[in-house]
């Protein structure tokens, strides 16, 4: 049984998600202690508990410690990962429901199911656009297209938007099983081709997304960027607002978002996303800081080596690298000066 220290590095949920994915793929039993020890509310939150149970379902794992607030988990896979139709609902993890991020559940089971024999369909219910988590728009516009270059075949259909605190979002994901992943080389991003965006509300007036879209277009055009933002009213169970921007470079994609909240003007929501985008654009890097750690796992599972340059070497990235190396699948080297990540799988 591999012993994993959940308090290592940034001490958040990523240690858990990466460990669960790799345990399912390798069939290796794991024990994680100190889960989310670095967080204000340590232990398993609803989205983490849902991720644990989702990973267990796809490989018939035995569990110990799978409870809200638990800081220890034993996960013992019982079979190879099984492709199939699955429903994972974050609301079931606690009595009064939850808007926990379904994107974190998806990132736990996506790669194991992508490497399984056969095709899978997953329905996820809960929060789709939640602060401190990748939004489903980021997954759809940046994460999955970049993973597709590595051989991961998955398509998303967003049925309902789920914002904090009500949640109630629903997403369907189709995953095609493949035999292996490819490495990725991303040292130069090339020229910016355009910025495209979505300004979205549910259960709110249509002038709000239009104001977000206008503000973003004005700011980015002033900075000399080619940009188009679509304003939409979409389906959701409660009021919510957000803007989601994707920078399309010749060789890469990067994503940025601003999420609305009470007493935050529509223009300010757009400002948040634009400031992030412009800050990243000026780094010249091909890989944004969120994608930097999210590419590590598929790169470690690939049949060739990978290298890519990140805007920032985050503690998420270095923590994820350390967890991956504990499974002995790949060596990860991070050049902090050049901000270059090199991943050499054991079979490469």
Protein backbone atom coordinates (compact mmCIF):
# COMPACT_ATOMS: atom_id res chain seq x y z
CA UNK A 1 0.00 0.00 0.00
CA UNK A 2 1.42 3.38 -1.03
CA UNK A 3 1.38 5.85 1.87
CA UNK A 4 0.58 9.39 0.74
CA UNK A 5 0.85 12.51 2.88
CA UNK A 6 -2.19 14.62 2.03
CA UNK A 7 -0.71 17.65 3.81
CA UNK A 8 2.34 17.75 1.51
CA UNK A 9 2.98 20.90 -0.54
CA UNK A 10 -0.16 22.93 -1.11
CA UNK A 11 -2.07 20.42 1.03
CA UNK A 12 -5.33 20.57 -0.96
CA UNK A 13 -7.64 18.25 -2.87
CA UNK A 14 -5.31 17.72 -5.81
CA UNK A 15 -3.18 15.23 -3.88
CA UNK A 16 -6.36 13.22 -3.36
CA UNK A 17 -7.57 13.41 -6.99
CA UNK A 18 -4.23 12.46 -8.53
CA UNK A 19 -3.77 9.61 -6.05
CA UNK A 20 -7.25 8.22 -6.77
CA UNK A 21 -6.75 8.41 -10.55
CA UNK A 22 -3.41 6.62 -10.36
CA UNK A 23 -4.64 4.01 -7.89
CA UNK A 24 -7.53 3.18 -10.23
CA UNK A 25 -5.27 3.01 -13.30
CA UNK A 26 -2.45 0.99 -11.69
CA UNK A 27 -4.57 -1.16 -9.35
CA UNK A 28 -2.28 -0.03 -6.52
CA UNK A 29 -3.77 0.23 -3.01
CA UNK A 30 -3.24 3.58 -1.29
CA UNK A 31 -3.59 5.15 2.15
CA UNK A 32 -3.81 8.95 2.31
CA UNK A 33 -3.44 10.75 5.65
CA UNK A 34 -3.73 14.46 6.45
CA UNK A 35 -6.25 14.99 3.63
CA UNK A 36 -6.62 18.72 2.85
CA UNK A 37 -4.76 19.55 6.05
CA UNK A 38 -3.81 22.94 4.59
CA UNK A 39 -7.41 24.08 4.19
CA UNK A 40 -9.65 26.11 6.59
CA UNK A 41 -12.07 23.14 6.68
CA UNK A 42 -9.75 20.12 6.44
CA UNK A 43 -10.79 16.63 5.37
CA UNK A 44 -13.17 15.46 2.66
CA UNK A 45 -15.70 18.06 1.45
CA UNK A 46 -18.72 16.90 -0.64
CA UNK A 47 -16.93 17.18 -4.01
CA UNK A 48 -13.94 15.21 -2.66
CA UNK A 49 -16.13 12.51 -1.14
CA UNK A 50 -17.99 12.24 -4.46
CA UNK A 51 -14.63 11.92 -6.25
CA UNK A 52 -13.60 9.11 -3.85
CA UNK A 53 -16.82 7.19 -4.42
CA UNK A 54 -16.71 7.78 -8.19
CA UNK A 55 -13.16 6.42 -8.41
CA UNK A 56 -14.19 3.45 -6.26
CA UNK A 57 -17.15 2.64 -8.50
CA UNK A 58 -15.17 2.47 -11.71
CA UNK A 59 -12.67 -0.06 -10.26
CA UNK A 60 -14.76 -1.82 -7.56
CA UNK A 61 -12.50 -0.44 -4.82
CA UNK A 62 -12.84 -1.15 -1.10
CA UNK A 63 -12.92 2.04 0.97
CA UNK A 64 -12.14 2.99 4.53
CA UNK A 65 -12.53 6.56 5.76
CA UNK A 66 -15.00 7.68 3.06
CA UNK A 67 -16.98 10.18 5.13
CA UNK A 68 -17.41 13.95 5.18
CA UNK A 69 -14.57 15.59 7.09
CA UNK A 70 -12.42 12.44 7.07
CA UNK A 71 -8.68 13.14 6.89
CA UNK A 72 -7.70 9.51 6.25
CA UNK A 73 -8.64 7.28 3.34
CA UNK A 74 -7.77 3.73 2.32
CA UNK A 75 -8.56 2.86 -1.29
CA UNK A 76 -8.02 -0.72 -2.48
CA UNK A 77 -8.95 -1.32 -6.16
CA UNK A 78 -10.84 -4.57 -6.76
CA UNK A 79 -10.74 -4.76 -10.56
CA UNK A 80 -9.36 -3.01 -13.65
CA UNK A 81 -11.24 0.19 -14.52
CA UNK A 82 -14.62 -0.64 -16.09
CA UNK A 83 -16.01 1.52 -18.90
CA UNK A 84 -19.77 2.10 -18.64
CA UNK A 85 -22.57 4.54 -17.89
CA UNK A 86 -22.22 6.35 -14.57
CA UNK A 87 -24.07 9.07 -12.65
CA UNK A 88 -22.18 10.99 -9.97
CA UNK A 89 -24.16 13.55 -7.95
CA UNK A 90 -22.29 15.81 -5.52
CA UNK A 91 -25.62 16.69 -3.82
CA UNK A 92 -25.82 13.16 -2.42
CA UNK A 93 -22.65 13.63 -0.37
CA UNK A 94 -24.28 15.72 2.35
CA UNK A 95 -27.83 15.92 3.77
CA UNK A 96 -28.77 19.40 2.50
CA UNK A 97 -27.23 19.03 -0.94
CA UNK A 98 -24.08 20.74 -2.23
CA UNK A 99 -22.76 22.98 -4.99
CA UNK A 100 -19.40 21.18 -4.85
CA UNK A 101 -17.51 21.36 -8.15
CA UNK A 102 -18.29 18.49 -10.53
CA UNK A 103 -15.21 19.39 -12.57
CA UNK A 104 -13.08 17.94 -9.75
CA UNK A 105 -15.04 14.66 -9.95
CA UNK A 106 -14.54 14.62 -13.72
CA UNK A 107 -10.78 15.16 -13.39
CA UNK A 108 -10.59 12.18 -11.02
CA UNK A 109 -12.26 9.64 -13.34
CA UNK A 110 -11.57 11.02 -16.83
CA UNK A 111 -8.11 9.56 -17.48
CA UNK A 112 -8.84 6.15 -15.91
CA UNK A 113 -11.96 5.81 -18.09
CA UNK A 114 -10.11 7.14 -21.15
CA UNK A 115 -7.58 4.28 -20.77
CA UNK A 116 -10.29 1.63 -20.15
CA UNK A 117 -11.49 -0.74 -22.85
CA UNK A 118 -14.75 0.55 -24.32
CA UNK A 119 -16.69 3.81 -24.20
CA UNK A 120 -18.22 5.55 -21.19
CA UNK A 121 -20.91 8.09 -20.52
CA UNK A 122 -20.87 10.07 -17.29
CA UNK A 123 -23.61 12.33 -15.94
CA UNK A 124 -22.40 14.79 -13.30
CA UNK A 125 -24.69 16.84 -11.07
CA UNK A 126 -23.70 19.70 -8.77
CA UNK A 127 -21.68 22.91 -9.21
CA UNK A 128 -20.44 23.52 -12.76
CA UNK A 129 -19.03 27.05 -12.30
CA UNK A 130 -17.65 27.43 -8.79
CA UNK A 131 -14.88 29.66 -7.41
CA UNK A 132 -11.51 28.01 -6.55
CA UNK A 133 -12.18 25.18 -9.04
CA UNK A 134 -11.78 24.88 -12.80
CA UNK A 135 -15.11 25.87 -14.38
CA UNK A 136 -16.86 23.53 -16.78
CA UNK A 137 -16.30 26.21 -19.45
CA UNK A 138 -12.53 25.95 -18.83
CA UNK A 139 -12.73 22.16 -19.08
CA UNK A 140 -14.68 22.41 -22.35
CA UNK A 141 -12.72 25.24 -23.98
CA UNK A 142 -9.13 24.59 -22.81
CA UNK A 143 -8.51 21.37 -20.83
CA UNK A 144 -10.22 18.85 -23.12
CA UNK A 145 -8.97 20.38 -26.42
CA UNK A 146 -5.40 20.29 -25.08
CA UNK A 147 -5.85 16.70 -23.86
CA UNK A 148 -7.25 15.77 -27.26
CA UNK A 149 -3.82 16.57 -28.71
CA UNK A 150 -2.49 13.87 -26.35
CA UNK A 151 -5.01 11.30 -27.58
CA UNK A 152 -7.77 11.72 -24.96
CA UNK A 153 -11.19 11.52 -26.64
CA UNK A 154 -13.98 13.17 -24.63
CA UNK A 155 -16.95 15.41 -25.42
CA UNK A 156 -19.04 17.53 -23.05
CA UNK A 157 -22.65 18.64 -23.14
CA UNK A 158 -23.67 21.18 -20.49
CA UNK A 159 -27.37 20.69 -19.71
CA UNK A 160 -27.78 23.16 -16.83
CA UNK A 161 -25.46 25.68 -15.19
CA UNK A 162 -24.81 25.25 -11.46
CA UNK A 163 -23.40 28.16 -9.43
CA UNK A 164 -22.49 28.43 -5.76
CA UNK A 165 -24.31 28.04 -3.36
CA UNK A 166 -27.30 26.27 -4.96
CA UNK A 167 -25.53 24.07 -7.52
CA UNK A 168 -28.08 22.11 -9.53
CA UNK A 169 -25.93 21.95 -12.67
CA UNK A 170 -25.84 18.93 -14.96
CA UNK A 171 -23.23 17.81 -17.47
CA UNK A 172 -22.92 14.78 -19.73
CA UNK A 173 -19.50 13.55 -20.84
CA UNK A 174 -18.82 10.94 -23.53
CA UNK A 175 -15.41 9.26 -23.18
CA UNK A 176 -13.91 6.95 -25.82
CA UNK A 177 -11.45 4.35 -24.55
CA UNK A 178 -7.95 4.53 -26.13
CA UNK A 179 -4.92 2.28 -25.73
CA UNK A 180 -2.39 5.02 -24.92
CA UNK A 181 -1.74 8.76 -24.69
CA UNK A 182 0.82 10.84 -26.60
CA UNK A 183 3.34 13.21 -25.12
CA UNK A 184 3.07 16.97 -25.68
CA UNK A 185 5.68 19.59 -26.57
CA UNK A 186 4.71 23.18 -25.83
CA UNK A 187 7.69 25.46 -25.46
CA UNK A 188 6.45 28.21 -27.82
CA UNK A 189 2.85 29.35 -28.05
CA UNK A 190 3.05 31.27 -31.34
CA UNK A 191 1.04 34.40 -32.12
CA UNK A 192 -2.32 35.18 -30.54
CA UNK A 193 -4.98 34.42 -33.14
CA UNK A 194 -8.00 35.68 -31.17
CA UNK A 195 -9.74 35.82 -27.80
CA UNK A 196 -13.24 34.35 -27.72
CA UNK A 197 -15.59 34.51 -24.81
CA UNK A 198 -18.94 33.72 -23.24
CA UNK A 199 -20.74 36.09 -20.88
CA UNK A 200 -23.51 34.05 -19.25
CA UNK A 201 -26.34 34.49 -16.76
CA UNK A 202 -29.12 32.26 -15.48
CA UNK A 203 -32.30 33.64 -13.89
CA UNK A 204 -31.04 37.23 -14.35
CA UNK A 205 -31.83 40.02 -16.85
CA UNK A 206 -30.20 39.92 -20.29
CA UNK A 207 -28.53 43.35 -19.86
CA UNK A 208 -26.08 41.77 -17.36
CA UNK A 209 -24.27 39.39 -19.77
CA UNK A 210 -24.31 42.15 -22.41
CA UNK A 211 -22.57 44.54 -19.99
CA UNK A 212 -19.94 41.89 -19.16
CA UNK A 213 -19.37 41.21 -22.86
CA UNK A 214 -19.10 44.91 -23.77
CA UNK A 215 -16.67 45.61 -20.95
CA UNK A 216 -14.40 42.68 -21.87
CA UNK A 217 -14.40 43.58 -25.56
CA UNK A 218 -13.55 47.22 -24.79
CA UNK A 219 -10.70 46.37 -22.40
CA UNK A 220 -9.11 43.75 -24.65
CA UNK A 221 -9.47 45.83 -27.82
CA UNK A 222 -7.76 48.73 -26.02
CA UNK A 223 -4.90 46.31 -25.34
CA UNK A 224 -4.71 45.56 -29.07
CA UNK A 225 -6.23 42.08 -28.98
CA UNK A 226 -8.72 40.64 -31.45
CA UNK A 227 -11.75 39.62 -29.39
CA UNK A 228 -15.38 38.51 -29.65
CA UNK A 229 -17.60 37.78 -26.62
CA UNK A 230 -21.06 36.25 -26.88
CA UNK A 231 -23.74 37.29 -24.34
CA UNK A 232 -26.17 34.51 -23.34
CA UNK A 233 -29.00 33.71 -20.94
CA UNK A 234 -28.84 30.00 -20.13
CA UNK A 235 -30.69 27.37 -18.12
CA UNK A 236 -30.04 27.00 -14.38
CA UNK A 237 -31.95 26.48 -11.14
CA UNK A 238 -30.82 29.75 -9.52
CA UNK A 239 -29.40 33.19 -10.38
CA UNK A 240 -25.77 33.24 -11.45
CA UNK A 241 -23.38 35.12 -13.72
CA UNK A 242 -19.92 34.66 -15.16
CA UNK A 243 -17.60 35.44 -18.03
CA UNK A 244 -15.24 32.91 -19.59
CA UNK A 245 -12.44 33.96 -21.94
CA UNK A 246 -10.24 31.69 -24.08
CA UNK A 247 -6.98 32.92 -25.64
CA UNK A 248 -6.29 31.03 -28.85
CA UNK A 249 -2.61 31.03 -29.75
CA UNK A 250 -1.10 29.31 -32.79
CA UNK A 251 0.12 26.39 -30.64
CA UNK A 252 -1.83 26.66 -27.41
CA UNK A 253 -4.99 27.63 -25.51
CA UNK A 254 -5.42 29.40 -22.17
CA UNK A 255 -8.57 30.17 -20.17
CA UNK A 256 -9.70 32.84 -17.69
CA UNK A 257 -12.91 33.51 -15.83
CA UNK A 258 -14.76 35.94 -13.59
CA UNK A 259 -17.70 34.77 -11.49
CA UNK A 260 -20.47 37.07 -10.32
CA UNK A 261 -21.63 37.47 -6.74
CA UNK A 262 -23.96 39.76 -4.81
CA UNK A 263 -23.09 43.46 -5.05
CA UNK A 264 -20.33 42.88 -7.62
CA UNK A 265 -21.03 44.91 -10.77
CA UNK A 266 -21.15 43.11 -14.12
CA UNK A 267 -18.26 45.29 -15.33
CA UNK A 268 -16.11 44.26 -12.35
CA UNK A 269 -16.71 40.57 -13.13
CA UNK A 270 -15.40 41.21 -16.66
CA UNK A 271 -12.43 43.17 -15.25
CA UNK A 272 -11.34 40.15 -13.18
CA UNK A 273 -11.20 37.83 -16.21
CA UNK A 274 -9.53 40.43 -18.44
CA UNK A 275 -6.84 41.27 -15.87
CA UNK A 276 -5.95 37.58 -15.58
CA UNK A 277 -5.85 37.17 -19.35
CA UNK A 278 -3.64 40.22 -19.93
CA UNK A 279 -1.27 39.26 -17.13
CA UNK A 280 -0.86 35.81 -18.70
CA UNK A 281 -0.54 37.22 -22.23
CA UNK A 282 2.40 39.36 -21.16
CA UNK A 283 4.33 36.34 -19.80
CA UNK A 284 4.77 34.92 -23.31
CA UNK A 285 4.24 31.40 -21.91
CA UNK A 286 2.17 28.79 -23.78
CA UNK A 287 0.63 27.14 -20.69
CA UNK A 288 -1.43 28.95 -18.04
CA UNK A 289 -0.77 28.09 -14.39
CA UNK A 290 -3.90 25.92 -14.04
CA UNK A 291 -3.19 23.87 -17.14
CA UNK A 292 0.44 23.54 -16.02
CA UNK A 293 -0.44 21.10 -13.24
CA UNK A 294 -3.38 19.52 -15.11
CA UNK A 295 -1.13 18.37 -17.98
CA UNK A 296 1.19 16.48 -15.61
CA UNK A 297 -0.99 13.39 -15.17
CA UNK A 298 -1.73 12.68 -18.87
CA UNK A 299 1.95 13.39 -19.61
CA UNK A 300 3.01 10.85 -16.95
CA UNK A 301 0.70 8.25 -18.51
CA UNK A 302 1.84 8.91 -22.10
CA UNK A 303 4.00 6.64 -24.22
CA UNK A 304 6.50 9.44 -24.98
CA UNK A 305 8.12 12.21 -22.99
CA UNK A 306 6.64 15.72 -22.72
CA UNK A 307 8.01 19.20 -22.15
CA UNK A 308 6.17 22.47 -21.76
CA UNK A 309 6.71 25.99 -20.48
CA UNK A 310 4.39 27.46 -17.86
CA UNK A 311 3.52 31.03 -16.90
CA UNK A 312 4.09 30.20 -13.26
CA UNK A 313 5.52 27.25 -11.33
CA UNK A 314 2.71 26.89 -8.80
CA UNK A 315 2.71 24.80 -5.62
CA UNK A 316 -0.15 22.86 -7.26
CA UNK A 317 2.30 21.84 -9.98
CA UNK A 318 5.18 20.83 -7.71
CA UNK A 319 2.80 19.00 -5.34
CA UNK A 320 1.22 17.08 -8.22
CA UNK A 321 4.68 16.16 -9.55
CA UNK A 322 5.67 14.71 -6.16
CA UNK A 323 2.50 12.59 -5.93
CA UNK A 324 2.98 11.22 -9.46
CA UNK A 325 6.58 10.24 -8.70
CA UNK A 326 5.42 8.24 -5.65
CA UNK A 327 3.70 5.81 -8.03
CA UNK A 328 6.94 5.28 -9.96
CA UNK A 329 5.27 5.89 -13.36
CA UNK A 330 7.29 8.89 -14.46
CA UNK A 331 10.07 11.29 -13.55
CA UNK A 332 9.11 14.96 -13.44
CA UNK A 333 11.72 17.71 -13.64
CA UNK A 334 10.71 21.33 -13.07
CA UNK A 335 13.18 24.04 -14.09
CA UNK A 336 11.99 26.93 -11.91
CA UNK A 337 14.24 29.49 -13.62
CA UNK A 338 13.11 28.70 -17.18
CA UNK A 339 9.65 27.56 -16.02
CA UNK A 340 9.97 24.42 -18.11
CA UNK A 341 8.38 21.12 -17.04
CA UNK A 342 9.84 17.86 -18.37
CA UNK A 343 7.92 14.60 -17.85
CA UNK A 344 9.59 11.28 -18.69
CA UNK A 345 7.24 8.28 -18.34
CA UNK A 346 8.88 5.05 -17.19
CA UNK A 347 8.09 3.35 -20.50
CA UNK A 348 9.28 6.22 -22.71
